[in-house]
């Protein structure tokens, strides 16, 4: 059986996957992504759901935004976040299914 090489032939895809996986590998960032899921969620909702300080959440949101995992939009005095890539949503869904029995 031949080994599929199409993904390893595309260096930019490998690097993008590695950056995304590294940025979501922190437990708190995984929690944030599970809260955000496929919807727009404001910082206050994330803080309430995750249960840590706003400054701590903001630091992790900045990392996820910087790595392109989350997108942000400002509406009045609130910032809303959403997952910026359908593949990341798919990955979160698979993690929920595998580790939480939740699909």
PDB file of N, CA and C in Angstrom:
ATOM      1  N   UNK A   1       0.847  -1.183   0.000  1.00  0.00           N
ATOM      2  CA  UNK A   1       0.000   0.000   0.000  1.00  0.00           C
ATOM      3  C   UNK A   1       0.888   1.241   0.000  1.00  0.00           C
ATOM      4  N   UNK A   2       0.735   2.135  -0.972  1.00  0.00           N
ATOM      5  CA  UNK A   2       1.590   3.322  -1.028  1.00  0.00           C
ATOM      6  C   UNK A   2       1.245   4.319   0.077  1.00  0.00           C
ATOM      7  N   UNK A   3       2.264   5.009   0.525  1.00  0.00           N
ATOM      8  CA  UNK A   3       2.087   6.033   1.555  1.00  0.00           C
ATOM      9  C   UNK A   3       1.646   7.315   0.870  1.00  0.00           C
ATOM     10  N   UNK A   4       0.508   7.917   1.327  1.00  0.00           N
ATOM     11  CA  UNK A   4       0.071   9.176   0.711  1.00  0.00           C
ATOM     12  C   UNK A   4       1.052  10.295   1.044  1.00  0.00           C
ATOM     13  N   UNK A   5       1.530  10.979   0.028  1.00  0.00           N
ATOM     14  CA  UNK A   5       2.507  12.041   0.243  1.00  0.00           C
ATOM     15  C   UNK A   5       1.965  13.415  -0.113  1.00  0.00           C
ATOM     16  N   UNK A   6       0.715  13.482  -0.539  1.00  0.00           N
ATOM     17  CA  UNK A   6       0.196  14.771  -1.003  1.00  0.00           C
ATOM     18  C   UNK A   6       0.280  15.853   0.063  1.00  0.00           C
ATOM     19  N   UNK A   7       0.001  15.517   1.321  1.00  0.00           N
ATOM     20  CA  UNK A   7       0.051  16.554   2.358  1.00  0.00           C
ATOM     21  C   UNK A   7       1.484  16.947   2.694  1.00  0.00           C
ATOM     22  N   UNK A   8       2.397  15.991   2.715  1.00  0.00           N
ATOM     23  CA  UNK A   8       3.772  16.359   3.064  1.00  0.00           C
ATOM     24  C   UNK A   8       4.475  17.062   1.917  1.00  0.00           C
ATOM     25  N   UNK A   9       3.915  16.986   0.732  1.00  0.00           N
ATOM     26  CA  UNK A   9       4.470  17.725  -0.400  1.00  0.00           C
ATOM     27  C   UNK A   9       4.109  19.210  -0.334  1.00  0.00           C
ATOM     28  N   UNK A  10       3.157  19.555   0.470  1.00  0.00           N
ATOM     29  CA  UNK A  10       2.696  20.940   0.578  1.00  0.00           C
ATOM     30  C   UNK A  10       3.177  21.509   1.899  1.00  0.00           C
ATOM     31  N   UNK A  11       4.396  22.017   1.904  1.00  0.00           N
ATOM     32  CA  UNK A  11       5.051  22.494   3.118  1.00  0.00           C
ATOM     33  C   UNK A  11       4.226  23.554   3.844  1.00  0.00           C
ATOM     34  N   UNK A  12       3.581  24.451   3.079  1.00  0.00           N
ATOM     35  CA  UNK A  12       2.803  25.506   3.733  1.00  0.00           C
ATOM     36  C   UNK A  12       1.629  24.930   4.511  1.00  0.00           C
ATOM     37  N   UNK A  13       1.042  23.822   4.059  1.00  0.00           N
ATOM     38  CA  UNK A  13      -0.058  23.193   4.785  1.00  0.00           C
ATOM     39  C   UNK A  13       0.446  22.569   6.089  1.00  0.00           C
ATOM     40  N   UNK A  14       1.598  21.951   6.018  1.00  0.00           N
ATOM     41  CA  UNK A  14       2.195  21.348   7.214  1.00  0.00           C
ATOM     42  C   UNK A  14       2.500  22.439   8.248  1.00  0.00           C
ATOM     43  N   UNK A  15       3.088  23.540   7.794  1.00  0.00           N
ATOM     44  CA  UNK A  15       3.438  24.626   8.714  1.00  0.00           C
ATOM     45  C   UNK A  15       2.196  25.267   9.310  1.00  0.00           C
ATOM     46  N   UNK A  16       1.154  25.444   8.500  1.00  0.00           N
ATOM     47  CA  UNK A  16      -0.094  26.020   8.996  1.00  0.00           C
ATOM     48  C   UNK A  16      -0.724  25.095  10.039  1.00  0.00           C
ATOM     49  N   UNK A  17      -0.732  23.799   9.772  1.00  0.00           N
ATOM     50  CA  UNK A  17      -1.294  22.833  10.722  1.00  0.00           C
ATOM     51  C   UNK A  17      -0.496  22.843  12.026  1.00  0.00           C
ATOM     52  N   UNK A  18       0.827  22.894  11.925  1.00  0.00           N
ATOM     53  CA  UNK A  18       1.668  22.901  13.123  1.00  0.00           C
ATOM     54  C   UNK A  18       1.419  24.150  13.963  1.00  0.00           C
ATOM     55  N   UNK A  19       1.289  25.314  13.304  1.00  0.00           N
ATOM     56  CA  UNK A  19       1.018  26.561  14.044  1.00  0.00           C
ATOM     57  C   UNK A  19      -0.329  26.487  14.756  1.00  0.00           C
ATOM     58  N   UNK A  20      -1.337  25.991  14.044  1.00  0.00           N
ATOM     59  CA  UNK A  20      -2.674  25.902  14.643  1.00  0.00           C
ATOM     60  C   UNK A  20      -2.673  24.938  15.825  1.00  0.00           C
ATOM     61  N   UNK A  21      -2.071  23.777  15.650  1.00  0.00           N
ATOM     62  CA  UNK A  21      -2.045  22.792  16.735  1.00  0.00           C
ATOM     63  C   UNK A  21      -1.270  23.305  17.939  1.00  0.00           C
ATOM     64  N   UNK A  22      -0.160  23.983  17.696  1.00  0.00           N
ATOM     65  CA  UNK A  22       0.626  24.534  18.797  1.00  0.00           C
ATOM     66  C   UNK A  22      -0.177  25.591  19.555  1.00  0.00           C
ATOM     67  N   UNK A  23      -0.884  26.437  18.821  1.00  0.00           N
ATOM     68  CA  UNK A  23      -1.615  27.520  19.482  1.00  0.00           C
ATOM     69  C   UNK A  23      -2.813  27.022  20.279  1.00  0.00           C
ATOM     70  N   UNK A  24      -3.388  25.882  19.908  1.00  0.00           N
ATOM     71  CA  UNK A  24      -4.552  25.388  20.646  1.00  0.00           C
ATOM     72  C   UNK A  24      -4.183  24.325  21.675  1.00  0.00           C
ATOM     73  N   UNK A  25      -2.892  24.045  21.820  1.00  0.00           N
ATOM     74  CA  UNK A  25      -2.490  22.946  22.693  1.00  0.00           C
ATOM     75  C   UNK A  25      -2.591  23.261  24.191  1.00  0.00           C
ATOM     76  N   UNK A  26      -2.801  24.505  24.556  1.00  0.00           N
ATOM     77  CA  UNK A  26      -2.937  24.879  25.970  1.00  0.00           C
ATOM     78  C   UNK A  26      -4.358  24.538  26.440  1.00  0.00           C
ATOM     79  N   UNK A  27      -4.514  23.940  27.626  1.00  0.00           N
ATOM     80  CA  UNK A  27      -5.853  23.550  28.103  1.00  0.00           C
ATOM     81  C   UNK A  27      -6.870  24.696  28.123  1.00  0.00           C
ATOM     82  N   UNK A  28      -6.440  25.883  28.537  1.00  0.00           N
ATOM     83  CA  UNK A  28      -7.374  27.010  28.594  1.00  0.00           C
ATOM     84  C   UNK A  28      -7.808  27.439  27.185  1.00  0.00           C
ATOM     85  N   UNK A  29      -6.877  27.405  26.245  1.00  0.00           N
ATOM     86  CA  UNK A  29      -7.234  27.770  24.869  1.00  0.00           C
ATOM     87  C   UNK A  29      -8.173  26.740  24.266  1.00  0.00           C
ATOM     88  N   UNK A  30      -7.998  25.467  24.603  1.00  0.00           N
ATOM     89  CA  UNK A  30      -8.944  24.449  24.145  1.00  0.00           C
ATOM     90  C   UNK A  30     -10.336  24.713  24.709  1.00  0.00           C
ATOM     91  N   UNK A  31     -10.398  25.081  25.992  1.00  0.00           N
ATOM     92  CA  UNK A  31     -11.686  25.422  26.599  1.00  0.00           C
ATOM     93  C   UNK A  31     -12.337  26.594  25.865  1.00  0.00           C
ATOM     94  N   UNK A  32     -11.534  27.613  25.582  1.00  0.00           N
ATOM     95  CA  UNK A  32     -12.052  28.786  24.879  1.00  0.00           C
ATOM     96  C   UNK A  32     -12.637  28.370  23.526  1.00  0.00           C
ATOM     97  N   UNK A  33     -11.906  27.553  22.794  1.00  0.00           N
ATOM     98  CA  UNK A  33     -12.386  27.127  21.477  1.00  0.00           C
ATOM     99  C   UNK A  33     -13.650  26.283  21.575  1.00  0.00           C
ATOM    100  N   UNK A  34     -13.748  25.477  22.614  1.00  0.00           N
ATOM    101  CA  UNK A  34     -14.973  24.696  22.811  1.00  0.00           C
ATOM    102  C   UNK A  34     -16.159  25.605  23.122  1.00  0.00           C
ATOM    103  N   UNK A  35     -15.917  26.685  23.858  1.00  0.00           N
ATOM    104  CA  UNK A  35     -16.980  27.648  24.160  1.00  0.00           C
ATOM    105  C   UNK A  35     -17.394  28.394  22.902  1.00  0.00           C
ATOM    106  N   UNK A  36     -16.420  28.838  22.136  1.00  0.00           N
ATOM    107  CA  UNK A  36     -16.717  29.624  20.937  1.00  0.00           C
ATOM    108  C   UNK A  36     -17.398  28.754  19.889  1.00  0.00           C
ATOM    109  N   UNK A  37     -16.834  27.579  19.629  1.00  0.00           N
ATOM    110  CA  UNK A  37     -17.435  26.681  18.644  1.00  0.00           C
ATOM    111  C   UNK A  37     -17.684  27.388  17.329  1.00  0.00           C
ATOM    112  N   UNK A  38     -18.881  27.245  16.798  1.00  0.00           N
ATOM    113  CA  UNK A  38     -19.198  27.812  15.479  1.00  0.00           C
ATOM    114  C   UNK A  38     -20.038  29.084  15.576  1.00  0.00           C
ATOM    115  N   UNK A  39     -19.926  29.793  16.693  1.00  0.00           N
ATOM    116  CA  UNK A  39     -20.732  31.000  16.880  1.00  0.00           C
ATOM    117  C   UNK A  39     -19.861  32.197  17.227  1.00  0.00           C
ATOM    118  N   UNK A  40     -20.452  33.380  17.197  1.00  0.00           N
ATOM    119  CA  UNK A  40     -19.776  34.600  17.655  1.00  0.00           C
ATOM    120  C   UNK A  40     -20.041  34.731  19.149  1.00  0.00           C
ATOM    121  N   UNK A  41     -18.976  34.849  19.928  1.00  0.00           N
ATOM    122  CA  UNK A  41     -19.107  34.906  21.384  1.00  0.00           C
ATOM    123  C   UNK A  41     -18.291  36.091  21.894  1.00  0.00           C
ATOM    124  N   UNK A  42     -18.883  36.868  22.800  1.00  0.00           N
ATOM    125  CA  UNK A  42     -18.161  38.012  23.353  1.00  0.00           C
ATOM    126  C   UNK A  42     -17.278  37.562  24.518  1.00  0.00           C
ATOM    127  N   UNK A  43     -16.328  38.398  24.850  1.00  0.00           N
ATOM    128  CA  UNK A  43     -15.344  38.076  25.884  1.00  0.00           C
ATOM    129  C   UNK A  43     -16.027  37.747  27.203  1.00  0.00           C
ATOM    130  N   UNK A  44     -17.046  38.520  27.563  1.00  0.00           N
ATOM    131  CA  UNK A  44     -17.737  38.294  28.837  1.00  0.00           C
ATOM    132  C   UNK A  44     -18.362  36.896  28.898  1.00  0.00           C
ATOM    133  N   UNK A  45     -18.902  36.432  27.772  1.00  0.00           N
ATOM    134  CA  UNK A  45     -19.482  35.082  27.739  1.00  0.00           C
ATOM    135  C   UNK A  45     -18.397  34.025  27.915  1.00  0.00           C
ATOM    136  N   UNK A  46     -17.245  34.258  27.313  1.00  0.00           N
ATOM    137  CA  UNK A  46     -16.137  33.310  27.435  1.00  0.00           C
ATOM    138  C   UNK A  46     -15.651  33.261  28.880  1.00  0.00           C
ATOM    139  N   UNK A  47     -15.494  34.437  29.498  1.00  0.00           N
ATOM    140  CA  UNK A  47     -15.054  34.510  30.889  1.00  0.00           C
ATOM    141  C   UNK A  47     -16.027  33.739  31.784  1.00  0.00           C
ATOM    142  N   UNK A  48     -17.326  33.951  31.600  1.00  0.00           N
ATOM    143  CA  UNK A  48     -18.335  33.261  32.414  1.00  0.00           C
ATOM    144  C   UNK A  48     -18.276  31.748  32.228  1.00  0.00           C
ATOM    145  N   UNK A  49     -18.130  31.313  30.988  1.00  0.00           N
ATOM    146  CA  UNK A  49     -18.146  29.881  30.692  1.00  0.00           C
ATOM    147  C   UNK A  49     -16.868  29.183  31.159  1.00  0.00           C
ATOM    148  N   UNK A  50     -15.719  29.853  31.020  1.00  0.00           N
ATOM    149  CA  UNK A  50     -14.437  29.224  31.327  1.00  0.00           C
ATOM    150  C   UNK A  50     -14.094  29.359  32.807  1.00  0.00           C
ATOM    151  N   UNK A  51     -14.480  30.492  33.403  1.00  0.00           N
ATOM    152  CA  UNK A  51     -14.300  30.659  34.839  1.00  0.00           C
ATOM    153  C   UNK A  51     -12.918  31.098  35.275  1.00  0.00           C
ATOM    154  N   UNK A  52     -12.334  32.023  34.543  1.00  0.00           N
ATOM    155  CA  UNK A  52     -11.066  32.617  34.964  1.00  0.00           C
ATOM    156  C   UNK A  52     -11.156  34.116  34.715  1.00  0.00           C
ATOM    157  N   UNK A  53     -10.103  34.844  35.011  1.00  0.00           N
ATOM    158  CA  UNK A  53     -10.168  36.302  34.902  1.00  0.00           C
ATOM    159  C   UNK A  53     -10.212  36.769  33.446  1.00  0.00           C
ATOM    160  N   UNK A  54     -10.760  37.951  33.270  1.00  0.00           N
ATOM    161  CA  UNK A  54     -10.838  38.528  31.934  1.00  0.00           C
ATOM    162  C   UNK A  54      -9.451  38.782  31.358  1.00  0.00           C
ATOM    163  N   UNK A  55      -8.506  39.214  32.210  1.00  0.00           N
ATOM    164  CA  UNK A  55      -7.160  39.481  31.697  1.00  0.00           C
ATOM    165  C   UNK A  55      -6.494  38.190  31.218  1.00  0.00           C
ATOM    166  N   UNK A  56      -6.713  37.096  31.932  1.00  0.00           N
ATOM    167  CA  UNK A  56      -6.160  35.802  31.523  1.00  0.00           C
ATOM    168  C   UNK A  56      -6.770  35.358  30.195  1.00  0.00           C
ATOM    169  N   UNK A  57      -8.087  35.469  30.087  1.00  0.00           N
ATOM    170  CA  UNK A  57      -8.775  35.111  28.843  1.00  0.00           C
ATOM    171  C   UNK A  57      -8.262  35.981  27.700  1.00  0.00           C
ATOM    172  N   UNK A  58      -8.119  37.269  27.941  1.00  0.00           N
ATOM    173  CA  UNK A  58      -7.667  38.190  26.895  1.00  0.00           C
ATOM    174  C   UNK A  58      -6.282  37.822  26.368  1.00  0.00           C
ATOM    175  N   UNK A  59      -5.399  37.397  27.252  1.00  0.00           N
ATOM    176  CA  UNK A  59      -4.060  36.979  26.824  1.00  0.00           C
ATOM    177  C   UNK A  59      -4.148  35.781  25.872  1.00  0.00           C
ATOM    178  N   UNK A  60      -4.977  34.823  26.222  1.00  0.00           N
ATOM    179  CA  UNK A  60      -5.114  33.625  25.391  1.00  0.00           C
ATOM    180  C   UNK A  60      -5.861  33.921  24.090  1.00  0.00           C
ATOM    181  N   UNK A  61      -6.840  34.807  24.154  1.00  0.00           N
ATOM    182  CA  UNK A  61      -7.532  35.215  22.929  1.00  0.00           C
ATOM    183  C   UNK A  61      -6.563  35.895  21.967  1.00  0.00           C
ATOM    184  N   UNK A  62      -5.652  36.689  22.498  1.00  0.00           N
ATOM    185  CA  UNK A  62      -4.658  37.373  21.659  1.00  0.00           C
ATOM    186  C   UNK A  62      -3.773  36.363  20.933  1.00  0.00           C
ATOM    187  N   UNK A  63      -3.380  35.317  21.619  1.00  0.00           N
ATOM    188  CA  UNK A  63      -2.554  34.273  20.994  1.00  0.00           C
ATOM    189  C   UNK A  63      -3.329  33.583  19.888  1.00  0.00           C
ATOM    190  N   UNK A  64      -4.569  33.218  20.171  1.00  0.00           N
ATOM    191  CA  UNK A  64      -5.396  32.538  19.164  1.00  0.00           C
ATOM    192  C   UNK A  64      -5.665  33.443  17.965  1.00  0.00           C
ATOM    193  N   UNK A  65      -5.838  34.708  18.219  1.00  0.00           N
ATOM    194  CA  UNK A  65      -6.057  35.674  17.133  1.00  0.00           C
ATOM    195  C   UNK A  65      -4.779  35.851  16.312  1.00  0.00           C
ATOM    196  N   UNK A  66      -3.666  35.990  16.987  1.00  0.00           N
ATOM    197  CA  UNK A  66      -2.374  36.178  16.317  1.00  0.00           C
ATOM    198  C   UNK A  66      -2.033  35.004  15.397  1.00  0.00           C
ATOM    199  N   UNK A  67      -2.403  33.811  15.803  1.00  0.00           N
ATOM    200  CA  UNK A  67      -2.107  32.614  15.013  1.00  0.00           C
ATOM    201  C   UNK A  67      -3.169  32.337  13.948  1.00  0.00           C
ATOM    202  N   UNK A  68      -4.190  33.192  13.892  1.00  0.00           N
ATOM    203  CA  UNK A  68      -5.218  33.038  12.869  1.00  0.00           C
ATOM    204  C   UNK A  68      -6.279  32.007  13.184  1.00  0.00           C
ATOM    205  N   UNK A  69      -6.310  31.547  14.432  1.00  0.00           N
ATOM    206  CA  UNK A  69      -7.315  30.548  14.820  1.00  0.00           C
ATOM    207  C   UNK A  69      -8.660  31.225  15.064  1.00  0.00           C
ATOM    208  N   UNK A  70      -8.624  32.407  15.693  1.00  0.00           N
ATOM    209  CA  UNK A  70      -9.853  33.157  15.958  1.00  0.00           C
ATOM    210  C   UNK A  70      -9.855  34.461  15.171  1.00  0.00           C
ATOM    211  N   UNK A  71     -11.045  34.866  14.787  1.00  0.00           N
ATOM    212  CA  UNK A  71     -11.259  36.182  14.193  1.00  0.00           C
ATOM    213  C   UNK A  71     -12.033  37.013  15.203  1.00  0.00           C
ATOM    214  N   UNK A  72     -11.802  38.317  15.197  1.00  0.00           N
ATOM    215  CA  UNK A  72     -12.482  39.209  16.134  1.00  0.00           C
ATOM    216  C   UNK A  72     -13.196  40.307  15.371  1.00  0.00           C
ATOM    217  N   UNK A  73     -14.341  40.713  15.928  1.00  0.00           N
ATOM    218  CA  UNK A  73     -15.035  41.886  15.391  1.00  0.00           C
ATOM    219  C   UNK A  73     -15.552  42.680  16.573  1.00  0.00           C
ATOM    220  N   UNK A  74     -15.498  44.004  16.431  1.00  0.00           N
ATOM    221  CA  UNK A  74     -15.947  44.883  17.506  1.00  0.00           C
ATOM    222  C   UNK A  74     -17.327  45.413  17.160  1.00  0.00           C
ATOM    223  N   UNK A  75     -18.194  45.377  18.142  1.00  0.00           N
ATOM    224  CA  UNK A  75     -19.555  45.900  17.993  1.00  0.00           C
ATOM    225  C   UNK A  75     -19.848  46.724  19.238  1.00  0.00           C
ATOM    226  N   UNK A  76     -19.957  48.025  19.056  1.00  0.00           N
ATOM    227  CA  UNK A  76     -20.108  48.961  20.181  1.00  0.00           C
ATOM    228  C   UNK A  76     -18.918  48.780  21.122  1.00  0.00           C
ATOM    229  N   UNK A  77     -19.173  48.426  22.386  1.00  0.00           N
ATOM    230  CA  UNK A  77     -18.069  48.276  23.334  1.00  0.00           C
ATOM    231  C   UNK A  77     -17.724  46.807  23.603  1.00  0.00           C
ATOM    232  N   UNK A  78     -18.181  45.908  22.748  1.00  0.00           N
ATOM    233  CA  UNK A  78     -17.905  44.479  22.922  1.00  0.00           C
ATOM    234  C   UNK A  78     -17.096  43.941  21.748  1.00  0.00           C
ATOM    235  N   UNK A  79     -16.237  42.980  22.049  1.00  0.00           N
ATOM    236  CA  UNK A  79     -15.490  42.283  21.009  1.00  0.00           C
ATOM    237  C   UNK A  79     -16.027  40.865  20.945  1.00  0.00           C
ATOM    238  N   UNK A  80     -16.365  40.436  19.744  1.00  0.00           N
ATOM    239  CA  UNK A  80     -16.878  39.091  19.507  1.00  0.00           C
ATOM    240  C   UNK A  80     -15.832  38.274  18.770  1.00  0.00           C
ATOM    241  N   UNK A  81     -15.711  37.022  19.174  1.00  0.00           N
ATOM    242  CA  UNK A  81     -14.734  36.121  18.574  1.00  0.00           C
ATOM    243  C   UNK A  81     -15.453  34.957  17.908  1.00  0.00           C
ATOM    244  N   UNK A  82     -14.830  34.464  16.846  1.00  0.00           N
ATOM    245  CA  UNK A  82     -15.309  33.242  16.209  1.00  0.00           C
ATOM    246  C   UNK A  82     -14.123  32.518  15.618  1.00  0.00           C
ATOM    247  N   UNK A  83     -14.277  31.211  15.442  1.00  0.00           N
ATOM    248  CA  UNK A  83     -13.224  30.413  14.830  1.00  0.00           C
ATOM    249  C   UNK A  83     -13.140  30.799  13.367  1.00  0.00           C
ATOM    250  N   UNK A  84     -11.930  31.073  12.903  1.00  0.00           N
ATOM    251  CA  UNK A  84     -11.734  31.615  11.566  1.00  0.00           C
ATOM    252  C   UNK A  84     -11.573  30.598  10.465  1.00  0.00           C
ATOM    253  N   UNK A  85     -11.504  29.326  10.778  1.00  0.00           N
ATOM    254  CA  UNK A  85     -11.224  28.311   9.771  1.00  0.00           C
ATOM    255  C   UNK A  85     -12.117  27.091  10.013  1.00  0.00           C
ATOM    256  N   UNK A  86     -12.804  26.667   8.974  1.00  0.00           N
ATOM    257  CA  UNK A  86     -13.708  25.515   9.081  1.00  0.00           C
ATOM    258  C   UNK A  86     -12.962  24.252   9.506  1.00  0.00           C
ATOM    259  N   UNK A  87     -11.698  24.142   9.122  1.00  0.00           N
ATOM    260  CA  UNK A  87     -10.912  22.957   9.508  1.00  0.00           C
ATOM    261  C   UNK A  87     -10.692  22.921  11.011  1.00  0.00           C
ATOM    262  N   UNK A  88     -10.517  24.090  11.621  1.00  0.00           N
ATOM    263  CA  UNK A  88     -10.354  24.146  13.077  1.00  0.00           C
ATOM    264  C   UNK A  88     -11.648  23.729  13.759  1.00  0.00           C
ATOM    265  N   UNK A  89     -12.783  24.172  13.216  1.00  0.00           N
ATOM    266  CA  UNK A  89     -14.079  23.747  13.766  1.00  0.00           C
ATOM    267  C   UNK A  89     -14.232  22.228  13.672  1.00  0.00           C
ATOM    268  N   UNK A  90     -13.799  21.685  12.561  1.00  0.00           N
ATOM    269  CA  UNK A  90     -13.869  20.227  12.372  1.00  0.00           C
ATOM    270  C   UNK A  90     -12.989  19.525  13.405  1.00  0.00           C
ATOM    271  N   UNK A  91     -11.801  20.058  13.640  1.00  0.00           N
ATOM    272  CA  UNK A  91     -10.886  19.494  14.623  1.00  0.00           C
ATOM    273  C   UNK A  91     -11.482  19.559  16.032  1.00  0.00           C
ATOM    274  N   UNK A  92     -12.076  20.692  16.387  1.00  0.00           N
ATOM    275  CA  UNK A  92     -12.714  20.832  17.700  1.00  0.00           C
ATOM    276  C   UNK A  92     -13.847  19.818  17.843  1.00  0.00           C
ATOM    277  N   UNK A  93     -14.637  19.676  16.785  1.00  0.00           N
ATOM    278  CA  UNK A  93     -15.724  18.692  16.806  1.00  0.00           C
ATOM    279  C   UNK A  93     -15.222  17.276  17.021  1.00  0.00           C
ATOM    280  N   UNK A  94     -14.131  16.944  16.356  1.00  0.00           N
ATOM    281  CA  UNK A  94     -13.557  15.600  16.534  1.00  0.00           C
ATOM    282  C   UNK A  94     -13.008  15.416  17.938  1.00  0.00           C
ATOM    283  N   UNK A  95     -12.378  16.460  18.496  1.00  0.00           N
ATOM    284  CA  UNK A  95     -11.855  16.359  19.860  1.00  0.00           C
ATOM    285  C   UNK A  95     -12.997  16.159  20.852  1.00  0.00           C
ATOM    286  N   UNK A  96     -14.082  16.890  20.655  1.00  0.00           N
ATOM    287  CA  UNK A  96     -15.242  16.719  21.551  1.00  0.00           C
ATOM    288  C   UNK A  96     -15.754  15.294  21.476  1.00  0.00           C
ATOM    289  N   UNK A  97     -15.867  14.785  20.275  1.00  0.00           N
ATOM    290  CA  UNK A  97     -16.392  13.420  20.074  1.00  0.00           C
ATOM    291  C   UNK A  97     -15.470  12.385  20.698  1.00  0.00           C
ATOM    292  N   UNK A  98     -14.171  12.513  20.471  1.00  0.00           N
ATOM    293  CA  UNK A  98     -13.205  11.523  20.938  1.00  0.00           C
ATOM    294  C   UNK A  98     -12.999  11.621  22.451  1.00  0.00           C
ATOM    295  N   UNK A  99     -12.832  12.839  22.977  1.00  0.00           N
ATOM    296  CA  UNK A  99     -12.468  12.979  24.382  1.00  0.00           C
ATOM    297  C   UNK A  99     -13.649  13.213  25.312  1.00  0.00           C
ATOM    298  N   UNK A 100     -14.747  13.731  24.788  1.00  0.00           N
ATOM    299  CA  UNK A 100     -15.878  14.074  25.653  1.00  0.00           C
ATOM    300  C   UNK A 100     -17.132  13.242  25.369  1.00  0.00           C
ATOM    301  N   UNK A 101     -17.116  12.462  24.309  1.00  0.00           N
ATOM    302  CA  UNK A 101     -18.312  11.710  23.931  1.00  0.00           C
ATOM    303  C   UNK A 101     -19.424  12.650  23.491  1.00  0.00           C
ATOM    304  N   UNK A 102     -19.061  13.848  23.041  1.00  0.00           N
ATOM    305  CA  UNK A 102     -20.021  14.895  22.678  1.00  0.00           C
ATOM    306  C   UNK A 102     -19.811  15.224  21.205  1.00  0.00           C
ATOM    307  N   UNK A 103     -20.882  15.168  20.425  1.00  0.00           N
ATOM    308  CA  UNK A 103     -20.724  15.524  19.011  1.00  0.00           C
ATOM    309  C   UNK A 103     -21.537  16.632  18.588  1.00  0.00           C
TER     310      UNK A 103
END
